[in-house]
Amino acid sequence: MIDASKRHLEDAGESYFEHLGVASGFAWRLVKAGLACGLHALVPGLCTHSASSSVAELNAILAARAARSERTSADGLSGTL
């Protein structure tokens, strides 16, 4: 488990604490999107765009991270996410 974690951090190009911050931010956004979906399920007039906006935002962040990772990988610096 420790070796896999070290490889993942190296591939992501992040320290443990950087990764903790990034992953926690994603987790919080996903929790908020999930709560918005739950509210929307109960009252369809509420949160009509919240979850889809959150997913679109997270997708954009992931795409930017992947592009950055590909650039640094091409430069021989770091691997993938």
PDB file of N, CA and C in Angstrom:
ATOM      1  N   MET A   1       0.835  -1.197   0.000  1.00  0.00           N
ATOM      2  CA  MET A   1       0.000   0.000   0.000  1.00  0.00           C
ATOM      3  C   MET A   1       0.875   1.254   0.000  1.00  0.00           C
ATOM      4  N   ILE A   2       1.931   1.238   0.800  1.00  0.00           N
ATOM      5  CA  ILE A   2       2.810   2.408   0.879  1.00  0.00           C
ATOM      6  C   ILE A   2       3.512   2.634  -0.450  1.00  0.00           C
ATOM      7  N   ASP A   3       4.004   1.548  -1.064  1.00  0.00           N
ATOM      8  CA  ASP A   3       4.677   1.695  -2.360  1.00  0.00           C
ATOM      9  C   ASP A   3       3.719   2.209  -3.426  1.00  0.00           C
ATOM     10  N   ALA A   4       2.497   1.699  -3.422  1.00  0.00           N
ATOM     11  CA  ALA A   4       1.499   2.162  -4.393  1.00  0.00           C
ATOM     12  C   ALA A   4       1.188   3.641  -4.176  1.00  0.00           C
ATOM     13  N   SER A   5       1.113   4.052  -2.916  1.00  0.00           N
ATOM     14  CA  SER A   5       0.850   5.463  -2.612  1.00  0.00           C
ATOM     15  C   SER A   5       1.998   6.338  -3.081  1.00  0.00           C
ATOM     16  N   LYS A   6       3.222   5.895  -2.841  1.00  0.00           N
ATOM     17  CA  LYS A   6       4.395   6.665  -3.286  1.00  0.00           C
ATOM     18  C   LYS A   6       4.413   6.798  -4.802  1.00  0.00           C
ATOM     19  N   ARG A   7       4.105   5.703  -5.502  1.00  0.00           N
ATOM     20  CA  ARG A   7       4.070   5.761  -6.970  1.00  0.00           C
ATOM     21  C   ARG A   7       2.991   6.719  -7.448  1.00  0.00           C
ATOM     22  N   HIS A   8       1.825   6.668  -6.803  1.00  0.00           N
ATOM     23  CA  HIS A   8       0.727   7.552  -7.209  1.00  0.00           C
ATOM     24  C   HIS A   8       1.108   9.015  -6.996  1.00  0.00           C
ATOM     25  N   LEU A   9       1.697   9.333  -5.861  1.00  0.00           N
ATOM     26  CA  LEU A   9       2.116  10.712  -5.596  1.00  0.00           C
ATOM     27  C   LEU A   9       3.159  11.158  -6.609  1.00  0.00           C
ATOM     28  N   GLU A  10       4.079  10.270  -6.931  1.00  0.00           N
ATOM     29  CA  GLU A  10       5.105  10.598  -7.925  1.00  0.00           C
ATOM     30  C   GLU A  10       4.476  10.824  -9.289  1.00  0.00           C
ATOM     31  N   ASP A  11       3.550   9.938  -9.672  1.00  0.00           N
ATOM     32  CA  ASP A  11       2.863  10.088 -10.959  1.00  0.00           C
ATOM     33  C   ASP A  11       2.065  11.385 -11.027  1.00  0.00           C
ATOM     34  N   ALA A  12       1.454  11.763  -9.891  1.00  0.00           N
ATOM     35  CA  ALA A  12       0.662  12.995  -9.834  1.00  0.00           C
ATOM     36  C   ALA A  12       1.548  14.233  -9.741  1.00  0.00           C
ATOM     37  N   GLY A  13       2.822  14.035  -9.382  1.00  0.00           N
ATOM     38  CA  GLY A  13       3.728  15.171  -9.240  1.00  0.00           C
ATOM     39  C   GLY A  13       3.381  16.024  -8.038  1.00  0.00           C
ATOM     40  N   GLU A  14       2.917  15.372  -6.972  1.00  0.00           N
ATOM     41  CA  GLU A  14       2.483  16.095  -5.774  1.00  0.00           C
ATOM     42  C   GLU A  14       3.119  15.485  -4.533  1.00  0.00           C
ATOM     43  N   SER A  15       3.304  16.331  -3.538  1.00  0.00           N
ATOM     44  CA  SER A  15       3.701  15.828  -2.228  1.00  0.00           C
ATOM     45  C   SER A  15       2.453  15.237  -1.563  1.00  0.00           C
ATOM     46  N   TYR A  16       2.657  14.582  -0.433  1.00  0.00           N
ATOM     47  CA  TYR A  16       1.517  14.017   0.294  1.00  0.00           C
ATOM     48  C   TYR A  16       0.506  15.104   0.638  1.00  0.00           C
ATOM     49  N   PHE A  17       0.996  16.223   1.172  1.00  0.00           N
ATOM     50  CA  PHE A  17       0.077  17.281   1.613  1.00  0.00           C
ATOM     51  C   PHE A  17      -0.568  18.011   0.445  1.00  0.00           C
ATOM     52  N   GLU A  18       0.146  18.154  -0.673  1.00  0.00           N
ATOM     53  CA  GLU A  18      -0.484  18.729  -1.866  1.00  0.00           C
ATOM     54  C   GLU A  18      -1.621  17.819  -2.336  1.00  0.00           C
ATOM     55  N   HIS A  19      -1.335  16.524  -2.378  1.00  0.00           N
ATOM     56  CA  HIS A  19      -2.347  15.563  -2.813  1.00  0.00           C
ATOM     57  C   HIS A  19      -3.527  15.537  -1.850  1.00  0.00           C
ATOM     58  N   LEU A  20      -3.245  15.636  -0.570  1.00  0.00           N
ATOM     59  CA  LEU A  20      -4.311  15.677   0.432  1.00  0.00           C
ATOM     60  C   LEU A  20      -5.241  16.850   0.169  1.00  0.00           C
ATOM     61  N   GLY A  21      -4.672  18.008  -0.123  1.00  0.00           N
ATOM     62  CA  GLY A  21      -5.487  19.191  -0.405  1.00  0.00           C
ATOM     63  C   GLY A  21      -6.307  19.044  -1.673  1.00  0.00           C
ATOM     64  N   VAL A  22      -5.677  18.545  -2.733  1.00  0.00           N
ATOM     65  CA  VAL A  22      -6.384  18.387  -4.008  1.00  0.00           C
ATOM     66  C   VAL A  22      -7.502  17.355  -3.871  1.00  0.00           C
ATOM     67  N   ALA A  23      -7.184  16.200  -3.312  1.00  0.00           N
ATOM     68  CA  ALA A  23      -8.176  15.133  -3.183  1.00  0.00           C
ATOM     69  C   ALA A  23      -9.310  15.540  -2.241  1.00  0.00           C
ATOM     70  N   SER A  24      -8.974  16.242  -1.175  1.00  0.00           N
ATOM     71  CA  SER A  24     -10.012  16.710  -0.247  1.00  0.00           C
ATOM     72  C   SER A  24     -10.931  17.721  -0.923  1.00  0.00           C
ATOM     73  N   GLY A  25     -10.354  18.587  -1.741  1.00  0.00           N
ATOM     74  CA  GLY A  25     -11.167  19.549  -2.488  1.00  0.00           C
ATOM     75  C   GLY A  25     -12.140  18.854  -3.425  1.00  0.00           C
ATOM     76  N   PHE A  26     -11.654  17.818  -4.109  1.00  0.00           N
ATOM     77  CA  PHE A  26     -12.537  17.042  -4.981  1.00  0.00           C
ATOM     78  C   PHE A  26     -13.632  16.366  -4.160  1.00  0.00           C
ATOM     79  N   ALA A  27     -13.256  15.779  -3.043  1.00  0.00           N
ATOM     80  CA  ALA A  27     -14.236  15.086  -2.204  1.00  0.00           C
ATOM     81  C   ALA A  27     -15.327  16.052  -1.741  1.00  0.00           C
ATOM     82  N   TRP A  28     -14.925  17.234  -1.299  1.00  0.00           N
ATOM     83  CA  TRP A  28     -15.899  18.218  -0.825  1.00  0.00           C
ATOM     84  C   TRP A  28     -16.848  18.633  -1.948  1.00  0.00           C
ATOM     85  N   ARG A  29     -16.294  18.864  -3.146  1.00  0.00           N
ATOM     86  CA  ARG A  29     -17.146  19.248  -4.278  1.00  0.00           C
ATOM     87  C   ARG A  29     -18.127  18.131  -4.632  1.00  0.00           C
ATOM     88  N   LEU A  30     -17.658  16.889  -4.560  1.00  0.00           N
ATOM     89  CA  LEU A  30     -18.535  15.762  -4.868  1.00  0.00           C
ATOM     90  C   LEU A  30     -19.631  15.603  -3.814  1.00  0.00           C
ATOM     91  N   VAL A  31     -19.297  15.840  -2.551  1.00  0.00           N
ATOM     92  CA  VAL A  31     -20.311  15.783  -1.487  1.00  0.00           C
ATOM     93  C   VAL A  31     -21.369  16.850  -1.732  1.00  0.00           C
ATOM     94  N   LYS A  32     -20.934  18.073  -2.050  1.00  0.00           N
ATOM     95  CA  LYS A  32     -21.890  19.149  -2.325  1.00  0.00           C
ATOM     96  C   LYS A  32     -22.774  18.807  -3.520  1.00  0.00           C
ATOM     97  N   ALA A  33     -22.173  18.236  -4.584  1.00  0.00           N
ATOM     98  CA  ALA A  33     -22.962  17.855  -5.757  1.00  0.00           C
ATOM     99  C   ALA A  33     -23.964  16.763  -5.393  1.00  0.00           C
ATOM    100  N   GLY A  34     -23.544  15.817  -4.566  1.00  0.00           N
ATOM    101  CA  GLY A  34     -24.445  14.752  -4.138  1.00  0.00           C
ATOM    102  C   GLY A  34     -25.614  15.279  -3.322  1.00  0.00           C
ATOM    103  N   LEU A  35     -25.328  16.214  -2.421  1.00  0.00           N
ATOM    104  CA  LEU A  35     -26.403  16.827  -1.637  1.00  0.00           C
ATOM    105  C   LEU A  35     -27.360  17.597  -2.542  1.00  0.00           C
ATOM    106  N   ALA A  36     -26.805  18.295  -3.518  1.00  0.00           N
ATOM    107  CA  ALA A  36     -27.666  19.022  -4.457  1.00  0.00           C
ATOM    108  C   ALA A  36     -28.547  18.052  -5.237  1.00  0.00           C
ATOM    109  N   CYS A  37     -28.005  16.906  -5.627  1.00  0.00           N
ATOM    110  CA  CYS A  37     -28.805  15.898  -6.342  1.00  0.00           C
ATOM    111  C   CYS A  37     -29.911  15.358  -5.445  1.00  0.00           C
ATOM    112  N   GLY A  38     -29.597  15.125  -4.182  1.00  0.00           N
ATOM    113  CA  GLY A  38     -30.603  14.647  -3.241  1.00  0.00           C
ATOM    114  C   GLY A  38     -31.723  15.640  -3.056  1.00  0.00           C
ATOM    115  N   LEU A  39     -31.367  16.917  -2.894  1.00  0.00           N
ATOM    116  CA  LEU A  39     -32.393  17.959  -2.775  1.00  0.00           C
ATOM    117  C   LEU A  39     -33.227  18.047  -4.038  1.00  0.00           C
ATOM    118  N   HIS A  40     -32.564  17.968  -5.174  1.00  0.00           N
ATOM    119  CA  HIS A  40     -33.267  18.034  -6.453  1.00  0.00           C
ATOM    120  C   HIS A  40     -34.227  16.852  -6.609  1.00  0.00           C
ATOM    121  N   ALA A  41     -33.807  15.690  -6.127  1.00  0.00           N
ATOM    122  CA  ALA A  41     -34.678  14.515  -6.216  1.00  0.00           C
ATOM    123  C   ALA A  41     -35.955  14.725  -5.408  1.00  0.00           C
ATOM    124  N   LEU A  42     -35.817  15.353  -4.248  1.00  0.00           N
ATOM    125  CA  LEU A  42     -36.978  15.595  -3.389  1.00  0.00           C
ATOM    126  C   LEU A  42     -37.857  16.733  -3.901  1.00  0.00           C
ATOM    127  N   VAL A  43     -37.211  17.808  -4.336  1.00  0.00           N
ATOM    128  CA  VAL A  43     -37.926  18.996  -4.828  1.00  0.00           C
ATOM    129  C   VAL A  43     -37.291  19.376  -6.167  1.00  0.00           C
ATOM    130  N   PRO A  44     -37.879  18.912  -7.272  1.00  0.00           N
ATOM    131  CA  PRO A  44     -37.269  19.117  -8.590  1.00  0.00           C
ATOM    132  C   PRO A  44     -36.970  20.569  -8.959  1.00  0.00           C
ATOM    133  N   GLY A  45     -37.624  21.517  -8.340  1.00  0.00           N
ATOM    134  CA  GLY A  45     -37.369  22.922  -8.634  1.00  0.00           C
ATOM    135  C   GLY A  45     -36.106  23.465  -7.975  1.00  0.00           C
ATOM    136  N   LEU A  46     -35.549  22.711  -7.041  1.00  0.00           N
ATOM    137  CA  LEU A  46     -34.323  23.146  -6.357  1.00  0.00           C
ATOM    138  C   LEU A  46     -33.087  22.561  -7.039  1.00  0.00           C
ATOM    139  N   CYS A  47     -32.023  23.326  -6.995  1.00  0.00           N
ATOM    140  CA  CYS A  47     -30.703  22.849  -7.462  1.00  0.00           C
ATOM    141  C   CYS A  47     -30.764  22.242  -8.859  1.00  0.00           C
ATOM    142  N   THR A  48     -31.436  22.923  -9.762  1.00  0.00           N
ATOM    143  CA  THR A  48     -31.640  22.355 -11.099  1.00  0.00           C
ATOM    144  C   THR A  48     -30.355  22.279 -11.922  1.00  0.00           C
ATOM    145  N   HIS A  49     -29.352  23.068 -11.569  1.00  0.00           N
ATOM    146  CA  HIS A  49     -28.099  23.047 -12.332  1.00  0.00           C
ATOM    147  C   HIS A  49     -26.873  22.816 -11.454  1.00  0.00           C
ATOM    148  N   SER A  50     -27.057  22.713 -10.170  1.00  0.00           N
ATOM    149  CA  SER A  50     -25.921  22.630  -9.245  1.00  0.00           C
ATOM    150  C   SER A  50     -25.030  21.426  -9.500  1.00  0.00           C
ATOM    151  N   ALA A  51     -25.616  20.257  -9.585  1.00  0.00           N
ATOM    152  CA  ALA A  51     -24.816  19.040  -9.746  1.00  0.00           C
ATOM    153  C   ALA A  51     -24.112  19.031 -11.102  1.00  0.00           C
ATOM    154  N   SER A  52     -24.839  19.363 -12.162  1.00  0.00           N
ATOM    155  CA  SER A  52     -24.214  19.340 -13.488  1.00  0.00           C
ATOM    156  C   SER A  52     -23.116  20.389 -13.586  1.00  0.00           C
ATOM    157  N   SER A  53     -23.295  21.538 -12.960  1.00  0.00           N
ATOM    158  CA  SER A  53     -22.245  22.560 -12.951  1.00  0.00           C
ATOM    159  C   SER A  53     -21.016  22.064 -12.195  1.00  0.00           C
ATOM    160  N   SER A  54     -21.242  21.390 -11.075  1.00  0.00           N
ATOM    161  CA  SER A  54     -20.130  20.852 -10.285  1.00  0.00           C
ATOM    162  C   SER A  54     -19.362  19.799 -11.075  1.00  0.00           C
ATOM    163  N   VAL A  55     -20.082  18.911 -11.740  1.00  0.00           N
ATOM    164  CA  VAL A  55     -19.437  17.862 -12.532  1.00  0.00           C
ATOM    165  C   VAL A  55     -18.651  18.479 -13.685  1.00  0.00           C
ATOM    166  N   ALA A  56     -19.214  19.478 -14.344  1.00  0.00           N
ATOM    167  CA  ALA A  56     -18.510  20.148 -15.437  1.00  0.00           C
ATOM    168  C   ALA A  56     -17.233  20.827 -14.935  1.00  0.00           C
ATOM    169  N   GLU A  57     -17.316  21.456 -13.766  1.00  0.00           N
ATOM    170  CA  GLU A  57     -16.149  22.114 -13.183  1.00  0.00           C
ATOM    171  C   GLU A  57     -15.064  21.094 -12.839  1.00  0.00           C
ATOM    172  N   LEU A  58     -15.449  19.988 -12.210  1.00  0.00           N
ATOM    173  CA  LEU A  58     -14.479  18.953 -11.865  1.00  0.00           C
ATOM    174  C   LEU A  58     -13.865  18.338 -13.117  1.00  0.00           C
ATOM    175  N   ASN A  59     -14.667  18.141 -14.149  1.00  0.00           N
ATOM    176  CA  ASN A  59     -14.148  17.607 -15.403  1.00  0.00           C
ATOM    177  C   ASN A  59     -13.110  18.550 -16.010  1.00  0.00           C
ATOM    178  N   ALA A  60     -13.375  19.848 -15.968  1.00  0.00           N
ATOM    179  CA  ALA A  60     -12.428  20.824 -16.506  1.00  0.00           C
ATOM    180  C   ALA A  60     -11.114  20.784 -15.714  1.00  0.00           C
ATOM    181  N   ILE A  61     -11.220  20.660 -14.395  1.00  0.00           N
ATOM    182  CA  ILE A  61     -10.020  20.594 -13.560  1.00  0.00           C
ATOM    183  C   ILE A  61      -9.225  19.333 -13.883  1.00  0.00           C
ATOM    184  N   LEU A  62      -9.914  18.197 -13.993  1.00  0.00           N
ATOM    185  CA  LEU A  62      -9.234  16.944 -14.319  1.00  0.00           C
ATOM    186  C   LEU A  62      -8.579  16.997 -15.697  1.00  0.00           C
ATOM    187  N   ALA A  63      -9.266  17.590 -16.664  1.00  0.00           N
ATOM    188  CA  ALA A  63      -8.711  17.707 -18.017  1.00  0.00           C
ATOM    189  C   ALA A  63      -7.454  18.570 -18.002  1.00  0.00           C
ATOM    190  N   ALA A  64      -7.472  19.668 -17.251  1.00  0.00           N
ATOM    191  CA  ALA A  64      -6.299  20.536 -17.157  1.00  0.00           C
ATOM    192  C   ALA A  64      -5.141  19.808 -16.477  1.00  0.00           C
ATOM    193  N   ARG A  65      -5.452  19.044 -15.423  1.00  0.00           N
ATOM    194  CA  ARG A  65      -4.413  18.271 -14.735  1.00  0.00           C
ATOM    195  C   ARG A  65      -3.821  17.214 -15.661  1.00  0.00           C
ATOM    196  N   ALA A  66      -4.674  16.548 -16.449  1.00  0.00           N
ATOM    197  CA  ALA A  66      -4.205  15.523 -17.378  1.00  0.00           C
ATOM    198  C   ALA A  66      -3.314  16.148 -18.454  1.00  0.00           C
ATOM    199  N   ALA A  67      -3.721  17.309 -18.968  1.00  0.00           N
ATOM    200  CA  ALA A  67      -2.919  17.994 -19.985  1.00  0.00           C
ATOM    201  C   ALA A  67      -1.567  18.407 -19.407  1.00  0.00           C
ATOM    202  N   ARG A  68      -1.578  18.922 -18.188  1.00  0.00           N
ATOM    203  CA  ARG A  68      -0.325  19.304 -17.532  1.00  0.00           C
ATOM    204  C   ARG A  68       0.560  18.077 -17.327  1.00  0.00           C
ATOM    205  N   SER A  69      -0.037  16.992 -16.922  1.00  0.00           N
ATOM    206  CA  SER A  69       0.701  15.760 -16.695  1.00  0.00           C
ATOM    207  C   SER A  69       1.312  15.240 -17.993  1.00  0.00           C
ATOM    208  N   GLU A  70       0.547  15.320 -19.082  1.00  0.00           N
ATOM    209  CA  GLU A  70       1.066  14.885 -20.382  1.00  0.00           C
ATOM    210  C   GLU A  70       2.232  15.746 -20.827  1.00  0.00           C
ATOM    211  N   ARG A  71       2.136  17.067 -20.586  1.00  0.00           N
ATOM    212  CA  ARG A  71       3.231  17.962 -20.959  1.00  0.00           C
ATOM    213  C   ARG A  71       4.494  17.631 -20.165  1.00  0.00           C
ATOM    214  N   THR A  72       4.346  17.465 -18.839  1.00  0.00           N
ATOM    215  CA  THR A  72       5.517  17.189 -18.026  1.00  0.00           C
ATOM    216  C   THR A  72       6.063  15.803 -18.319  1.00  0.00           C
ATOM    217  N   SER A  73       5.197  14.850 -18.672  1.00  0.00           N
ATOM    218  CA  SER A  73       5.643  13.516 -19.042  1.00  0.00           C
ATOM    219  C   SER A  73       6.449  13.574 -20.339  1.00  0.00           C
ATOM    220  N   ALA A  74       5.990  14.394 -21.293  1.00  0.00           N
ATOM    221  CA  ALA A  74       6.701  14.556 -22.553  1.00  0.00           C
ATOM    222  C   ALA A  74       8.059  15.207 -22.328  1.00  0.00           C
ATOM    223  N   ASP A  75       8.163  16.043 -21.304  1.00  0.00           N
ATOM    224  CA  ASP A  75       9.425  16.685 -20.961  1.00  0.00           C
ATOM    225  C   ASP A  75      10.325  15.763 -20.142  1.00  0.00           C
ATOM    226  N   GLY A  76       9.784  14.598 -19.772  1.00  0.00           N
ATOM    227  CA  GLY A  76      10.548  13.651 -18.984  1.00  0.00           C
ATOM    228  C   GLY A  76      10.563  13.948 -17.501  1.00  0.00           C
ATOM    229  N   LEU A  77       9.618  14.759 -17.018  1.00  0.00           N
ATOM    230  CA  LEU A  77       9.627  15.145 -15.613  1.00  0.00           C
ATOM    231  C   LEU A  77       8.755  14.266 -14.738  1.00  0.00           C
ATOM    232  N   SER A  78       7.518  14.053 -15.142  1.00  0.00           N
ATOM    233  CA  SER A  78       6.567  13.359 -14.281  1.00  0.00           C
ATOM    234  C   SER A  78       5.647  12.499 -15.115  1.00  0.00           C
ATOM    235  N   GLY A  79       4.937  11.580 -14.461  1.00  0.00           N
ATOM    236  CA  GLY A  79       4.020  10.678 -15.139  1.00  0.00           C
ATOM    237  C   GLY A  79       2.618  11.232 -15.207  1.00  0.00           C
ATOM    238  N   THR A  80       1.668  10.319 -15.206  1.00  0.00           N
ATOM    239  CA  THR A  80       0.265  10.684 -15.323  1.00  0.00           C
ATOM    240  C   THR A  80      -0.358  10.906 -13.967  1.00  0.00           C
ATOM    241  N   LEU A  81      -1.643  11.289 -13.975  1.00  0.00           N
ATOM    242  CA  LEU A  81      -2.379  11.474 -12.735  1.00  0.00           C
ATOM    243  C   LEU A  81      -2.432  10.186 -12.022  1.00  0.00           C
TER     244      LEU A  81
END
